[in-house]
Amino acid sequence: MAKSDIDNNQRFEMMLSRYGKHIQRYCAIHGNNSDEIRDLISAVCDELWRSIGKLRNSVSSPQANVWLYRVMYHAVHDYFRRKRRVRTVSIGNHEELPAPNDEKRELLYDMVQYLPEQDQSFIKRHLEGYTLAEMAVELGISYDSCCQRKSRIIKKLNIIYQKYYV
């Protein structure tokens, strides 16, 4: 190993030991679930490893914190940009809403008012005829995340129905 490689290894390890919690928090803020958070941490660490040689100051300097923030920002941005570019669609058995007639549709819209605003807009899009793939692209999330969100909303609607309408 060359001297610069050893120096970069030490600097990388020092950055992780000093700023590891910052990296985890930053990724947790931007990730939607534990798998995505782990992927983000990995992407940030990969980018940190590739660019540690470009850090001109010592790891303990205030500029190192700013530099790390920029590395994290760009790594997370690149992760989501690549994720949007590569869309995978899985075909599985997901709960489906019944095709409602007018009376059932009215009941469904009444129940939707009890949901949080984000869930309301999601399920209303679905009721207006958007496919899950279209909603995933529009919301910038994966198809599987869209299916999970729909499934959770259906469970909430079942609870609301049992609580208020039975």
C-alpha atoms as a PDB file:
ATOM      1  CA  MET A   1       0.000   0.000   0.000  1.00  0.00           C
ATOM      2  CA  ALA A   2       1.194   3.480  -0.796  1.00  0.00           C
ATOM      3  CA  LYS A   3       1.546   6.070   1.952  1.00  0.00           C
ATOM      4  CA  SER A   4      -1.369   8.090   0.564  1.00  0.00           C
ATOM      5  CA  ASP A   5      -3.597   4.974   0.692  1.00  0.00           C
ATOM      6  CA  ILE A   6      -2.794   4.485   4.372  1.00  0.00           C
ATOM      7  CA  ASP A   7      -3.415   8.180   5.006  1.00  0.00           C
ATOM      8  CA  ASN A   8      -6.750   7.997   3.156  1.00  0.00           C
ATOM      9  CA  ASN A   9      -7.731   4.847   5.072  1.00  0.00           C
ATOM     10  CA  GLN A  10      -7.023   6.595   8.358  1.00  0.00           C
ATOM     11  CA  ARG A  11      -8.868   9.730   7.272  1.00  0.00           C
ATOM     12  CA  PHE A  12     -11.864   7.650   6.136  1.00  0.00           C
ATOM     13  CA  GLU A  13     -11.974   5.788   9.455  1.00  0.00           C
ATOM     14  CA  MET A  14     -11.620   9.055  11.375  1.00  0.00           C
ATOM     15  CA  MET A  15     -14.470  10.613   9.387  1.00  0.00           C
ATOM     16  CA  LEU A  16     -16.699   7.619  10.114  1.00  0.00           C
ATOM     17  CA  SER A  17     -15.864   7.573  13.808  1.00  0.00           C
ATOM     18  CA  ARG A  18     -16.266  11.343  14.148  1.00  0.00           C
ATOM     19  CA  TYR A  19     -19.307  11.883  11.886  1.00  0.00           C
ATOM     20  CA  GLY A  20     -20.943   8.433  11.726  1.00  0.00           C
ATOM     21  CA  LYS A  21     -24.008   9.558  13.691  1.00  0.00           C
ATOM     22  CA  HIS A  22     -24.398  12.584  11.396  1.00  0.00           C
ATOM     23  CA  ILE A  23     -24.340  10.302   8.364  1.00  0.00           C
ATOM     24  CA  GLN A  24     -26.947   7.988   9.905  1.00  0.00           C
ATOM     25  CA  ARG A  25     -29.245  10.875  10.855  1.00  0.00           C
ATOM     26  CA  TYR A  26     -28.933  12.519   7.449  1.00  0.00           C
ATOM     27  CA  CYS A  27     -29.787   9.255   5.686  1.00  0.00           C
ATOM     28  CA  ALA A  28     -32.649   8.528   8.096  1.00  0.00           C
ATOM     29  CA  ILE A  29     -34.181  11.903   7.281  1.00  0.00           C
ATOM     30  CA  HIS A  30     -34.081  11.209   3.547  1.00  0.00           C
ATOM     31  CA  GLY A  31     -34.915   7.480   3.559  1.00  0.00           C
ATOM     32  CA  ASN A  32     -38.443   6.100   3.522  1.00  0.00           C
ATOM     33  CA  ASN A  33     -37.793   2.730   5.157  1.00  0.00           C
ATOM     34  CA  SER A  34     -34.966   0.825   6.849  1.00  0.00           C
ATOM     35  CA  ASP A  35     -33.750  -0.811   3.619  1.00  0.00           C
ATOM     36  CA  GLU A  36     -33.576   2.508   1.839  1.00  0.00           C
ATOM     37  CA  ILE A  37     -31.786   4.107   4.809  1.00  0.00           C
ATOM     38  CA  ARG A  38     -29.173   1.321   4.713  1.00  0.00           C
ATOM     39  CA  ASP A  39     -28.771   1.851   0.965  1.00  0.00           C
ATOM     40  CA  LEU A  40     -28.319   5.577   1.505  1.00  0.00           C
ATOM     41  CA  ILE A  41     -25.701   5.040   4.217  1.00  0.00           C
ATOM     42  CA  SER A  42     -23.871   2.692   1.889  1.00  0.00           C
ATOM     43  CA  ALA A  43     -24.037   5.214  -0.969  1.00  0.00           C
ATOM     44  CA  VAL A  44     -22.727   7.987   1.289  1.00  0.00           C
ATOM     45  CA  CYS A  45     -19.882   5.805   2.580  1.00  0.00           C
ATOM     46  CA  ASP A  46     -18.959   4.766  -0.966  1.00  0.00           C
ATOM     47  CA  GLU A  47     -18.856   8.390  -2.079  1.00  0.00           C
ATOM     48  CA  LEU A  48     -16.928   9.377   1.039  1.00  0.00           C
ATOM     49  CA  TRP A  49     -14.371   6.646   0.309  1.00  0.00           C
ATOM     50  CA  ARG A  50     -13.988   7.778  -3.320  1.00  0.00           C
ATOM     51  CA  SER A  51     -13.580  11.435  -2.442  1.00  0.00           C
ATOM     52  CA  ILE A  52     -11.657  11.364   0.857  1.00  0.00           C
ATOM     53  CA  GLY A  53      -8.457  12.221  -1.005  1.00  0.00           C
ATOM     54  CA  LYS A  54     -10.021  15.530  -2.102  1.00  0.00           C
ATOM     55  CA  LEU A  55     -10.446  16.719   1.493  1.00  0.00           C
ATOM     56  CA  ARG A  56      -7.780  19.407   1.815  1.00  0.00           C
ATOM     57  CA  ASN A  57      -8.167  20.083   5.531  1.00  0.00           C
ATOM     58  CA  SER A  58      -7.828  17.842   8.538  1.00  0.00           C
ATOM     59  CA  VAL A  59     -10.753  15.676   9.575  1.00  0.00           C
ATOM     60  CA  SER A  60     -11.198  17.694  12.772  1.00  0.00           C
ATOM     61  CA  SER A  61     -11.438  21.073  11.014  1.00  0.00           C
ATOM     62  CA  PRO A  62     -14.800  22.851  10.679  1.00  0.00           C
ATOM     63  CA  GLN A  63     -14.420  22.738   6.900  1.00  0.00           C
ATOM     64  CA  ALA A  64     -14.467  18.931   7.057  1.00  0.00           C
ATOM     65  CA  ASN A  65     -18.029  19.043   8.384  1.00  0.00           C
ATOM     66  CA  VAL A  66     -19.139  21.274   5.499  1.00  0.00           C
ATOM     67  CA  TRP A  67     -17.289  19.087   3.019  1.00  0.00           C
ATOM     68  CA  LEU A  68     -18.946  15.947   4.431  1.00  0.00           C
ATOM     69  CA  TYR A  69     -22.386  17.566   4.171  1.00  0.00           C
ATOM     70  CA  ARG A  70     -21.766  18.257   0.475  1.00  0.00           C
ATOM     71  CA  VAL A  71     -20.631  14.652  -0.061  1.00  0.00           C
ATOM     72  CA  MET A  72     -23.768  13.371   1.707  1.00  0.00           C
ATOM     73  CA  TYR A  73     -26.039  15.714  -0.235  1.00  0.00           C
ATOM     74  CA  HIS A  74     -24.642  14.665  -3.605  1.00  0.00           C
ATOM     75  CA  ALA A  75     -24.569  10.948  -2.719  1.00  0.00           C
ATOM     76  CA  VAL A  76     -28.234  10.987  -1.626  1.00  0.00           C
ATOM     77  CA  HIS A  77     -29.233  13.048  -4.662  1.00  0.00           C
ATOM     78  CA  ASP A  78     -27.420  10.619  -6.998  1.00  0.00           C
ATOM     79  CA  TYR A  79     -28.999   7.623  -5.246  1.00  0.00           C
ATOM     80  CA  PHE A  80     -32.533   8.903  -5.840  1.00  0.00           C
ATOM     81  CA  ARG A  81     -31.733  10.038  -9.373  1.00  0.00           C
ATOM     82  CA  ARG A  82     -30.482   6.534 -10.239  1.00  0.00           C
ATOM     83  CA  LYS A  83     -33.445   4.967  -8.457  1.00  0.00           C
ATOM     84  CA  ARG A  84     -35.904   7.021 -10.538  1.00  0.00           C
ATOM     85  CA  ARG A  85     -34.100   6.078 -13.731  1.00  0.00           C
ATOM     86  CA  VAL A  86     -34.310   2.337 -13.010  1.00  0.00           C
ATOM     87  CA  ARG A  87     -37.923   1.454 -12.333  1.00  0.00           C
ATOM     88  CA  THR A  88     -38.746  -2.117 -11.540  1.00  0.00           C
ATOM     89  CA  VAL A  89     -42.278  -3.377 -11.496  1.00  0.00           C
ATOM     90  CA  SER A  90     -43.036  -6.483  -9.514  1.00  0.00           C
ATOM     91  CA  ILE A  91     -46.180  -8.436 -10.137  1.00  0.00           C
ATOM     92  CA  GLY A  92     -47.675  -9.912  -7.030  1.00  0.00           C
ATOM     93  CA  ASN A  93     -50.899 -10.419  -5.188  1.00  0.00           C
ATOM     94  CA  HIS A  94     -51.793  -7.053  -3.733  1.00  0.00           C
ATOM     95  CA  GLU A  95     -55.080  -6.215  -2.088  1.00  0.00           C
ATOM     96  CA  GLU A  96     -57.352  -4.547  -4.581  1.00  0.00           C
ATOM     97  CA  LEU A  97     -60.173  -2.158  -3.927  1.00  0.00           C
ATOM     98  CA  PRO A  98     -63.465  -3.402  -5.315  1.00  0.00           C
ATOM     99  CA  ALA A  99     -64.870  -1.547  -8.288  1.00  0.00           C
ATOM    100  CA  PRO A 100     -67.402   0.494  -6.364  1.00  0.00           C
ATOM    101  CA  ASN A 101     -70.861   1.336  -7.576  1.00  0.00           C
ATOM    102  CA  ASP A 102     -72.212   4.814  -6.800  1.00  0.00           C
ATOM    103  CA  GLU A 103     -73.403   3.941  -3.287  1.00  0.00           C
ATOM    104  CA  LYS A 104     -70.152   2.187  -2.362  1.00  0.00           C
ATOM    105  CA  ARG A 105     -68.114   4.984  -3.919  1.00  0.00           C
ATOM    106  CA  GLU A 106     -69.947   7.550  -1.750  1.00  0.00           C
ATOM    107  CA  LEU A 107     -69.312   5.456   1.345  1.00  0.00           C
ATOM    108  CA  LEU A 108     -65.649   5.126   0.376  1.00  0.00           C
ATOM    109  CA  TYR A 109     -65.267   8.894  -0.108  1.00  0.00           C
ATOM    110  CA  ASP A 110     -66.955   9.438   3.282  1.00  0.00           C
ATOM    111  CA  MET A 111     -64.480   7.074   4.952  1.00  0.00           C
ATOM    112  CA  VAL A 112     -61.515   8.703   3.226  1.00  0.00           C
ATOM    113  CA  GLN A 113     -62.140  11.936   5.156  1.00  0.00           C
ATOM    114  CA  TYR A 114     -60.937  10.167   8.327  1.00  0.00           C
ATOM    115  CA  LEU A 115     -57.516   9.447   6.784  1.00  0.00           C
ATOM    116  CA  PRO A 116     -54.495  11.749   7.058  1.00  0.00           C
ATOM    117  CA  GLU A 117     -54.256  14.261   4.200  1.00  0.00           C
ATOM    118  CA  GLN A 118     -51.392  12.450   2.441  1.00  0.00           C
ATOM    119  CA  ASP A 119     -53.331   9.167   2.459  1.00  0.00           C
ATOM    120  CA  GLN A 120     -56.458  10.963   1.246  1.00  0.00           C
ATOM    121  CA  SER A 121     -54.714  12.363  -1.822  1.00  0.00           C
ATOM    122  CA  PHE A 122     -53.122   8.979  -2.540  1.00  0.00           C
ATOM    123  CA  ILE A 123     -56.361   6.983  -2.425  1.00  0.00           C
ATOM    124  CA  LYS A 124     -58.311   9.668  -4.325  1.00  0.00           C
ATOM    125  CA  ARG A 125     -55.775   9.422  -7.158  1.00  0.00           C
ATOM    126  CA  HIS A 126     -56.327   5.675  -7.194  1.00  0.00           C
ATOM    127  CA  LEU A 127     -60.097   6.104  -7.249  1.00  0.00           C
ATOM    128  CA  GLU A 128     -59.750   8.553 -10.137  1.00  0.00           C
ATOM    129  CA  GLY A 129     -58.171   5.806 -12.204  1.00  0.00           C
ATOM    130  CA  TYR A 130     -54.430   6.341 -11.794  1.00  0.00           C
ATOM    131  CA  THR A 131     -52.502   3.083 -11.904  1.00  0.00           C
ATOM    132  CA  LEU A 132     -50.060   2.269  -9.126  1.00  0.00           C
ATOM    133  CA  ALA A 133     -47.170   2.561 -11.596  1.00  0.00           C
ATOM    134  CA  GLU A 134     -48.305   6.071 -12.611  1.00  0.00           C
ATOM    135  CA  MET A 135     -48.667   7.121  -8.978  1.00  0.00           C
ATOM    136  CA  ALA A 136     -45.213   5.722  -8.130  1.00  0.00           C
ATOM    137  CA  VAL A 137     -43.626   7.787 -10.899  1.00  0.00           C
ATOM    138  CA  GLU A 138     -45.592  10.891  -9.911  1.00  0.00           C
ATOM    139  CA  LEU A 139     -44.683  10.537  -6.223  1.00  0.00           C
ATOM    140  CA  GLY A 140     -41.063   9.575  -6.918  1.00  0.00           C
ATOM    141  CA  ILE A 141     -41.276   6.282  -5.020  1.00  0.00           C
ATOM    142  CA  SER A 142     -40.847   2.685  -6.098  1.00  0.00           C
ATOM    143  CA  TYR A 143     -43.755   0.592  -7.331  1.00  0.00           C
ATOM    144  CA  ASP A 144     -43.388  -1.712  -4.320  1.00  0.00           C
ATOM    145  CA  SER A 145     -43.560   1.254  -1.915  1.00  0.00           C
ATOM    146  CA  CYS A 146     -46.687   2.406  -3.712  1.00  0.00           C
ATOM    147  CA  CYS A 147     -48.270  -1.042  -3.272  1.00  0.00           C
ATOM    148  CA  GLN A 148     -47.330  -1.070   0.418  1.00  0.00           C
ATOM    149  CA  ARG A 149     -48.818   2.381   0.920  1.00  0.00           C
ATOM    150  CA  LYS A 150     -52.042   1.289  -0.761  1.00  0.00           C
ATOM    151  CA  SER A 151     -52.189  -1.842   1.364  1.00  0.00           C
ATOM    152  CA  ARG A 152     -51.716   0.170   4.572  1.00  0.00           C
ATOM    153  CA  ILE A 153     -54.438   2.610   3.507  1.00  0.00           C
ATOM    154  CA  ILE A 154     -56.841  -0.253   2.782  1.00  0.00           C
ATOM    155  CA  LYS A 155     -56.187  -1.626   6.276  1.00  0.00           C
ATOM    156  CA  LYS A 156     -56.874   1.833   7.739  1.00  0.00           C
ATOM    157  CA  LEU A 157     -60.087   2.078   5.723  1.00  0.00           C
ATOM    158  CA  ASN A 158     -61.192  -1.330   7.027  1.00  0.00           C
ATOM    159  CA  ILE A 159     -60.613  -0.118  10.592  1.00  0.00           C
ATOM    160  CA  ILE A 160     -62.535   3.096   9.891  1.00  0.00           C
ATOM    161  CA  TYR A 161     -65.393   1.090   8.366  1.00  0.00           C
ATOM    162  CA  GLN A 162     -65.567  -1.192  11.425  1.00  0.00           C
ATOM    163  CA  LYS A 163     -65.421   1.765  13.817  1.00  0.00           C
ATOM    164  CA  TYR A 164     -67.872   4.174  12.186  1.00  0.00           C
ATOM    165  CA  TYR A 165     -70.060   2.249   9.762  1.00  0.00           C
ATOM    166  CA  VAL A 166     -70.840  -1.109  11.344  1.00  0.00           C
END
